[in-house]
């Protein structure tokens, strides 16, 4: 994890209502954009805000790491797109459903170029962990403090978190978020990502 904890610049935020099409239906979500204090990192929060009668509902949250290859082009080498769709399905039907999208988390924090280099090493036989290490990167370089700051700004300091990653839970707790429930987000493996998921389970302690 980075040594410098990212914080939002409260003067650099914007909000609107974002209508999206999801599974054949139109859903209007509260959209808030954020920028870090050094202006190098941006994030987006999509909120299905509860009506008054459901205002007591504990937020159901997905903190999603940006993945150009998976989220946009539906790469079969990871489970990112499938997890994003599964998370949106829950968020758009749950009062106080929240998706925090972190584009700078690409490649578990090493960026798009380095991720593709890591893929090339995996083509040669390395797994996702050893590929990062051979490139001189941490196994996981992601920082979750910005996500925690966003949750506080949204008023959701107690949450149910959709994740299979115990490190994500601990990182948010360390940053002041009370995670009262881990909600699994397991999707089926395929021929192209089975080894990747096995590695996350065996070497990164993911609950999948």
C-alpha atoms as a PDB file:
ATOM      1  CA  UNK A   1       0.000   0.000   0.000  1.00  0.00           C
ATOM      2  CA  UNK A   2       1.259   3.568  -0.666  1.00  0.00           C
ATOM      3  CA  UNK A   3       2.814   5.298   2.331  1.00  0.00           C
ATOM      4  CA  UNK A   4       0.975   8.574   1.583  1.00  0.00           C
ATOM      5  CA  UNK A   5      -2.716   8.414   2.401  1.00  0.00           C
ATOM      6  CA  UNK A   6      -4.831  10.116  -0.261  1.00  0.00           C
ATOM      7  CA  UNK A   7      -7.364  12.690   0.898  1.00  0.00           C
ATOM      8  CA  UNK A   8     -10.133  14.458  -0.984  1.00  0.00           C
ATOM      9  CA  UNK A   9      -9.995  18.181  -1.659  1.00  0.00           C
ATOM     10  CA  UNK A  10     -13.374  19.373  -0.408  1.00  0.00           C
ATOM     11  CA  UNK A  11     -13.156  22.356  -2.782  1.00  0.00           C
ATOM     12  CA  UNK A  12     -12.820  20.038  -5.784  1.00  0.00           C
ATOM     13  CA  UNK A  13     -16.099  18.121  -5.854  1.00  0.00           C
ATOM     14  CA  UNK A  14     -19.088  18.141  -8.187  1.00  0.00           C
ATOM     15  CA  UNK A  15     -22.470  16.475  -8.152  1.00  0.00           C
ATOM     16  CA  UNK A  16     -25.391  15.798 -10.465  1.00  0.00           C
ATOM     17  CA  UNK A  17     -28.092  13.221 -11.194  1.00  0.00           C
ATOM     18  CA  UNK A  18     -26.848  10.568 -13.622  1.00  0.00           C
ATOM     19  CA  UNK A  19     -29.467   8.483 -15.459  1.00  0.00           C
ATOM     20  CA  UNK A  20     -28.036   5.124 -16.534  1.00  0.00           C
ATOM     21  CA  UNK A  21     -29.393   2.162 -18.465  1.00  0.00           C
ATOM     22  CA  UNK A  22     -28.908  -1.081 -16.596  1.00  0.00           C
ATOM     23  CA  UNK A  23     -30.392  -4.444 -17.531  1.00  0.00           C
ATOM     24  CA  UNK A  24     -33.096  -2.873 -19.691  1.00  0.00           C
ATOM     25  CA  UNK A  25     -34.229  -0.314 -17.150  1.00  0.00           C
ATOM     26  CA  UNK A  26     -33.442   3.337 -16.541  1.00  0.00           C
ATOM     27  CA  UNK A  27     -32.042   4.203 -13.129  1.00  0.00           C
ATOM     28  CA  UNK A  28     -31.318   7.699 -11.845  1.00  0.00           C
ATOM     29  CA  UNK A  29     -28.334   7.790  -9.495  1.00  0.00           C
ATOM     30  CA  UNK A  30     -26.759  10.569  -7.481  1.00  0.00           C
ATOM     31  CA  UNK A  31     -23.289  11.086  -8.980  1.00  0.00           C
ATOM     32  CA  UNK A  32     -20.469  12.811  -7.147  1.00  0.00           C
ATOM     33  CA  UNK A  33     -16.973  13.358  -8.512  1.00  0.00           C
ATOM     34  CA  UNK A  34     -13.980  13.872  -6.253  1.00  0.00           C
ATOM     35  CA  UNK A  35     -10.332  14.835  -6.615  1.00  0.00           C
ATOM     36  CA  UNK A  36      -7.443  14.271  -4.244  1.00  0.00           C
ATOM     37  CA  UNK A  37      -5.676  17.166  -2.558  1.00  0.00           C
ATOM     38  CA  UNK A  38      -2.719  16.907  -4.946  1.00  0.00           C
ATOM     39  CA  UNK A  39      -5.169  16.774  -7.907  1.00  0.00           C
ATOM     40  CA  UNK A  40      -3.483  13.633  -9.257  1.00  0.00           C
ATOM     41  CA  UNK A  41      -6.322  11.222  -8.461  1.00  0.00           C
ATOM     42  CA  UNK A  42     -10.035  11.317  -9.209  1.00  0.00           C
ATOM     43  CA  UNK A  43     -12.939   9.151  -8.101  1.00  0.00           C
ATOM     44  CA  UNK A  44     -16.654   8.812  -8.760  1.00  0.00           C
ATOM     45  CA  UNK A  45     -19.402   7.863  -6.335  1.00  0.00           C
ATOM     46  CA  UNK A  46     -22.799   6.649  -7.574  1.00  0.00           C
ATOM     47  CA  UNK A  47     -25.500   6.560  -4.904  1.00  0.00           C
ATOM     48  CA  UNK A  48     -28.970   5.058  -4.910  1.00  0.00           C
ATOM     49  CA  UNK A  49     -30.057   7.268  -2.036  1.00  0.00           C
ATOM     50  CA  UNK A  50     -32.766   5.927   0.260  1.00  0.00           C
ATOM     51  CA  UNK A  51     -36.136   7.593   0.522  1.00  0.00           C
ATOM     52  CA  UNK A  52     -37.180   8.884   3.940  1.00  0.00           C
ATOM     53  CA  UNK A  53     -38.790   5.610   5.019  1.00  0.00           C
ATOM     54  CA  UNK A  54     -35.564   3.726   4.240  1.00  0.00           C
ATOM     55  CA  UNK A  55     -33.139   6.357   5.489  1.00  0.00           C
ATOM     56  CA  UNK A  56     -32.081   4.103   8.378  1.00  0.00           C
ATOM     57  CA  UNK A  57     -30.730   1.426   6.015  1.00  0.00           C
ATOM     58  CA  UNK A  58     -27.016   0.752   6.450  1.00  0.00           C
ATOM     59  CA  UNK A  59     -25.283   1.552   3.159  1.00  0.00           C
ATOM     60  CA  UNK A  60     -24.411  -1.365   0.897  1.00  0.00           C
ATOM     61  CA  UNK A  61     -21.100  -0.348  -0.693  1.00  0.00           C
ATOM     62  CA  UNK A  62     -18.885  -1.540  -3.506  1.00  0.00           C
ATOM     63  CA  UNK A  63     -15.436   0.066  -3.724  1.00  0.00           C
ATOM     64  CA  UNK A  64     -14.488  -0.864  -7.278  1.00  0.00           C
ATOM     65  CA  UNK A  65     -10.991  -0.625  -8.702  1.00  0.00           C
ATOM     66  CA  UNK A  66     -10.945   0.775 -12.226  1.00  0.00           C
ATOM     67  CA  UNK A  67     -10.154  -1.778 -14.934  1.00  0.00           C
ATOM     68  CA  UNK A  68     -10.112  -0.506 -18.507  1.00  0.00           C
ATOM     69  CA  UNK A  69      -9.656  -3.976 -20.001  1.00  0.00           C
ATOM     70  CA  UNK A  70     -12.403  -5.557 -17.907  1.00  0.00           C
ATOM     71  CA  UNK A  71     -14.965  -2.835 -17.186  1.00  0.00           C
ATOM     72  CA  UNK A  72     -14.927  -1.313 -20.691  1.00  0.00           C
ATOM     73  CA  UNK A  73     -13.780  -4.086 -23.027  1.00  0.00           C
ATOM     74  CA  UNK A  74     -15.090  -7.045 -20.982  1.00  0.00           C
ATOM     75  CA  UNK A  75     -11.748  -8.844 -20.789  1.00  0.00           C
ATOM     76  CA  UNK A  76     -12.028 -12.493 -19.787  1.00  0.00           C
ATOM     77  CA  UNK A  77      -8.650 -12.446 -17.997  1.00  0.00           C
ATOM     78  CA  UNK A  78     -10.161 -11.006 -14.805  1.00  0.00           C
ATOM     79  CA  UNK A  79     -13.495 -10.921 -13.002  1.00  0.00           C
ATOM     80  CA  UNK A  80     -13.781  -7.124 -12.874  1.00  0.00           C
ATOM     81  CA  UNK A  81     -16.622  -6.622 -15.366  1.00  0.00           C
ATOM     82  CA  UNK A  82     -18.686  -9.445 -13.889  1.00  0.00           C
ATOM     83  CA  UNK A  83     -18.175  -8.053 -10.388  1.00  0.00           C
ATOM     84  CA  UNK A  84     -19.100  -4.528 -11.511  1.00  0.00           C
ATOM     85  CA  UNK A  85     -22.358  -5.732 -13.065  1.00  0.00           C
ATOM     86  CA  UNK A  86     -23.191  -7.847 -10.009  1.00  0.00           C
ATOM     87  CA  UNK A  87     -22.487  -4.868  -7.739  1.00  0.00           C
ATOM     88  CA  UNK A  88     -24.624  -2.509  -9.849  1.00  0.00           C
ATOM     89  CA  UNK A  89     -27.470  -4.999  -9.730  1.00  0.00           C
ATOM     90  CA  UNK A  90     -27.413  -4.879  -5.927  1.00  0.00           C
ATOM     91  CA  UNK A  91     -26.778  -1.139  -5.647  1.00  0.00           C
ATOM     92  CA  UNK A  92     -29.561  -0.074  -8.004  1.00  0.00           C
ATOM     93  CA  UNK A  93     -32.110  -2.150  -6.077  1.00  0.00           C
ATOM     94  CA  UNK A  94     -30.963  -1.355  -2.527  1.00  0.00           C
ATOM     95  CA  UNK A  95     -31.785   1.846  -0.624  1.00  0.00           C
ATOM     96  CA  UNK A  96     -28.462   3.521   0.220  1.00  0.00           C
ATOM     97  CA  UNK A  97     -26.585   1.486  -2.367  1.00  0.00           C
ATOM     98  CA  UNK A  98     -23.195   3.026  -3.147  1.00  0.00           C
ATOM     99  CA  UNK A  99     -20.588   2.386  -5.832  1.00  0.00           C
ATOM    100  CA  UNK A 100     -17.245   4.125  -5.442  1.00  0.00           C
ATOM    101  CA  UNK A 101     -15.235   3.856  -8.653  1.00  0.00           C
ATOM    102  CA  UNK A 102     -11.476   4.428  -8.388  1.00  0.00           C
ATOM    103  CA  UNK A 103      -9.870   4.754 -11.861  1.00  0.00           C
ATOM    104  CA  UNK A 104      -6.369   5.109 -10.394  1.00  0.00           C
ATOM    105  CA  UNK A 105      -6.577   1.563  -8.999  1.00  0.00           C
ATOM    106  CA  UNK A 106      -5.938   0.141 -12.478  1.00  0.00           C
ATOM    107  CA  UNK A 107      -3.892  -3.052 -12.261  1.00  0.00           C
ATOM    108  CA  UNK A 108      -4.143  -3.147  -8.442  1.00  0.00           C
ATOM    109  CA  UNK A 109      -2.586   0.296  -8.407  1.00  0.00           C
ATOM    110  CA  UNK A 110       0.303  -0.115 -10.885  1.00  0.00           C
ATOM    111  CA  UNK A 111      -1.423   1.453 -13.888  1.00  0.00           C
ATOM    112  CA  UNK A 112      -2.518   0.276 -17.306  1.00  0.00           C
ATOM    113  CA  UNK A 113       0.893   0.027 -18.973  1.00  0.00           C
ATOM    114  CA  UNK A 114       2.407  -1.981 -16.128  1.00  0.00           C
ATOM    115  CA  UNK A 115      -0.695  -4.192 -15.984  1.00  0.00           C
ATOM    116  CA  UNK A 116      -0.273  -5.145 -19.633  1.00  0.00           C
ATOM    117  CA  UNK A 117       3.408  -5.875 -18.948  1.00  0.00           C
ATOM    118  CA  UNK A 118       2.275  -8.106 -16.085  1.00  0.00           C
ATOM    119  CA  UNK A 119      -0.150  -9.851 -18.430  1.00  0.00           C
ATOM    120  CA  UNK A 120       2.721 -10.545 -20.823  1.00  0.00           C
ATOM    121  CA  UNK A 121       4.674 -12.145 -17.972  1.00  0.00           C
ATOM    122  CA  UNK A 122       1.635 -14.238 -17.106  1.00  0.00           C
ATOM    123  CA  UNK A 123       1.604 -15.419 -20.726  1.00  0.00           C
ATOM    124  CA  UNK A 124       5.102 -16.747 -20.006  1.00  0.00           C
ATOM    125  CA  UNK A 125       3.921 -18.726 -16.993  1.00  0.00           C
ATOM    126  CA  UNK A 126       4.022 -16.378 -13.987  1.00  0.00           C
ATOM    127  CA  UNK A 127       0.929 -15.874 -11.884  1.00  0.00           C
ATOM    128  CA  UNK A 128      -0.527 -12.439 -11.114  1.00  0.00           C
ATOM    129  CA  UNK A 129       1.467 -12.120  -7.874  1.00  0.00           C
ATOM    130  CA  UNK A 130       4.879 -13.073  -9.257  1.00  0.00           C
ATOM    131  CA  UNK A 131       4.346 -10.960 -12.379  1.00  0.00           C
ATOM    132  CA  UNK A 132       3.917  -7.818 -10.254  1.00  0.00           C
ATOM    133  CA  UNK A 133       6.934  -8.694  -8.140  1.00  0.00           C
ATOM    134  CA  UNK A 134       9.149  -9.326 -11.174  1.00  0.00           C
ATOM    135  CA  UNK A 135       8.243  -5.857 -12.485  1.00  0.00           C
ATOM    136  CA  UNK A 136       9.329  -4.366  -9.157  1.00  0.00           C
ATOM    137  CA  UNK A 137       5.826  -3.568  -7.912  1.00  0.00           C
ATOM    138  CA  UNK A 138       3.972  -4.546  -4.743  1.00  0.00           C
ATOM    139  CA  UNK A 139       1.496  -7.389  -5.007  1.00  0.00           C
ATOM    140  CA  UNK A 140      -1.212  -4.806  -4.296  1.00  0.00           C
ATOM    141  CA  UNK A 141      -0.409  -1.078  -4.454  1.00  0.00           C
ATOM    142  CA  UNK A 142      -3.924   0.232  -3.822  1.00  0.00           C
ATOM    143  CA  UNK A 143      -4.775   2.909  -1.255  1.00  0.00           C
ATOM    144  CA  UNK A 144      -8.323   3.039   0.132  1.00  0.00           C
ATOM    145  CA  UNK A 145      -8.138   6.224   2.196  1.00  0.00           C
ATOM    146  CA  UNK A 146      -9.704   8.310  -0.578  1.00  0.00           C
ATOM    147  CA  UNK A 147     -12.644   5.893  -0.682  1.00  0.00           C
ATOM    148  CA  UNK A 148     -13.024   6.208   3.083  1.00  0.00           C
ATOM    149  CA  UNK A 149     -12.979  10.010   2.833  1.00  0.00           C
ATOM    150  CA  UNK A 150     -15.687   9.850   0.171  1.00  0.00           C
ATOM    151  CA  UNK A 151     -17.876   7.601   2.320  1.00  0.00           C
ATOM    152  CA  UNK A 152     -17.557  10.064   5.190  1.00  0.00           C
ATOM    153  CA  UNK A 153     -18.475  12.948   2.884  1.00  0.00           C
ATOM    154  CA  UNK A 154     -21.555  11.019   1.732  1.00  0.00           C
ATOM    155  CA  UNK A 155     -22.570  10.368   5.329  1.00  0.00           C
ATOM    156  CA  UNK A 156     -21.949   6.627   5.246  1.00  0.00           C
ATOM    157  CA  UNK A 157     -19.426   5.826   7.975  1.00  0.00           C
ATOM    158  CA  UNK A 158     -21.069   2.496   8.828  1.00  0.00           C
ATOM    159  CA  UNK A 159     -21.397   0.158   5.864  1.00  0.00           C
ATOM    160  CA  UNK A 160     -21.935  -3.325   4.505  1.00  0.00           C
ATOM    161  CA  UNK A 161     -19.108  -3.926   2.040  1.00  0.00           C
ATOM    162  CA  UNK A 162     -19.367  -6.013  -1.120  1.00  0.00           C
ATOM    163  CA  UNK A 163     -15.934  -7.576  -1.418  1.00  0.00           C
ATOM    164  CA  UNK A 164     -14.005 -10.824  -1.289  1.00  0.00           C
ATOM    165  CA  UNK A 165     -10.805  -9.049  -0.240  1.00  0.00           C
ATOM    166  CA  UNK A 166     -10.050  -8.983   3.524  1.00  0.00           C
ATOM    167  CA  UNK A 167      -7.329  -6.357   3.006  1.00  0.00           C
ATOM    168  CA  UNK A 168      -9.920  -3.927   1.647  1.00  0.00           C
ATOM    169  CA  UNK A 169     -12.021  -4.355   4.778  1.00  0.00           C
ATOM    170  CA  UNK A 170      -9.060  -3.738   7.066  1.00  0.00           C
ATOM    171  CA  UNK A 171      -7.918  -0.715   5.046  1.00  0.00           C
ATOM    172  CA  UNK A 172     -11.323   0.945   5.295  1.00  0.00           C
ATOM    173  CA  UNK A 173     -11.554   0.174   9.011  1.00  0.00           C
ATOM    174  CA  UNK A 174      -8.109   1.698   9.543  1.00  0.00           C
ATOM    175  CA  UNK A 175      -9.351   4.820   7.740  1.00  0.00           C
ATOM    176  CA  UNK A 176     -12.322   5.188  10.083  1.00  0.00           C
ATOM    177  CA  UNK A 177     -15.114   3.269   8.343  1.00  0.00           C
ATOM    178  CA  UNK A 178     -17.114   0.739  10.368  1.00  0.00           C
ATOM    179  CA  UNK A 179     -17.563  -2.334   8.158  1.00  0.00           C
ATOM    180  CA  UNK A 180     -20.263  -4.313   9.950  1.00  0.00           C
ATOM    181  CA  UNK A 181     -20.739  -6.963   7.260  1.00  0.00           C
ATOM    182  CA  UNK A 182     -18.743  -8.472   4.415  1.00  0.00           C
ATOM    183  CA  UNK A 183     -21.070  -9.257   1.507  1.00  0.00           C
ATOM    184  CA  UNK A 184     -19.456 -11.766  -0.884  1.00  0.00           C
ATOM    185  CA  UNK A 185     -19.242 -10.836  -4.556  1.00  0.00           C
ATOM    186  CA  UNK A 186     -18.276 -14.143  -6.128  1.00  0.00           C
ATOM    187  CA  UNK A 187     -18.707 -14.687  -9.870  1.00  0.00           C
ATOM    188  CA  UNK A 188     -18.106 -17.900 -11.841  1.00  0.00           C
ATOM    189  CA  UNK A 189     -14.603 -18.573 -13.138  1.00  0.00           C
ATOM    190  CA  UNK A 190     -13.947 -19.074 -16.834  1.00  0.00           C
ATOM    191  CA  UNK A 191     -11.217 -20.675 -18.900  1.00  0.00           C
ATOM    192  CA  UNK A 192      -9.239 -17.421 -19.166  1.00  0.00           C
ATOM    193  CA  UNK A 193      -9.364 -16.325 -15.511  1.00  0.00           C
ATOM    194  CA  UNK A 194      -9.468 -19.561 -13.527  1.00  0.00           C
ATOM    195  CA  UNK A 195      -5.766 -19.418 -12.620  1.00  0.00           C
ATOM    196  CA  UNK A 196      -6.050 -15.723 -11.773  1.00  0.00           C
ATOM    197  CA  UNK A 197      -8.882 -16.407  -9.338  1.00  0.00           C
ATOM    198  CA  UNK A 198      -7.068 -19.405  -7.878  1.00  0.00           C
ATOM    199  CA  UNK A 199      -4.051 -17.169  -7.216  1.00  0.00           C
ATOM    200  CA  UNK A 200      -6.179 -14.526  -5.513  1.00  0.00           C
ATOM    201  CA  UNK A 201      -7.616 -17.247  -3.287  1.00  0.00           C
ATOM    202  CA  UNK A 202      -4.363 -19.063  -2.494  1.00  0.00           C
ATOM    203  CA  UNK A 203      -1.841 -16.209  -2.332  1.00  0.00           C
ATOM    204  CA  UNK A 204      -3.907 -13.108  -1.542  1.00  0.00           C
ATOM    205  CA  UNK A 205      -6.434 -14.637   0.894  1.00  0.00           C
ATOM    206  CA  UNK A 206      -9.480 -13.576  -1.124  1.00  0.00           C
ATOM    207  CA  UNK A 207     -12.653 -15.334   0.007  1.00  0.00           C
ATOM    208  CA  UNK A 208     -13.647 -16.829  -3.348  1.00  0.00           C
END
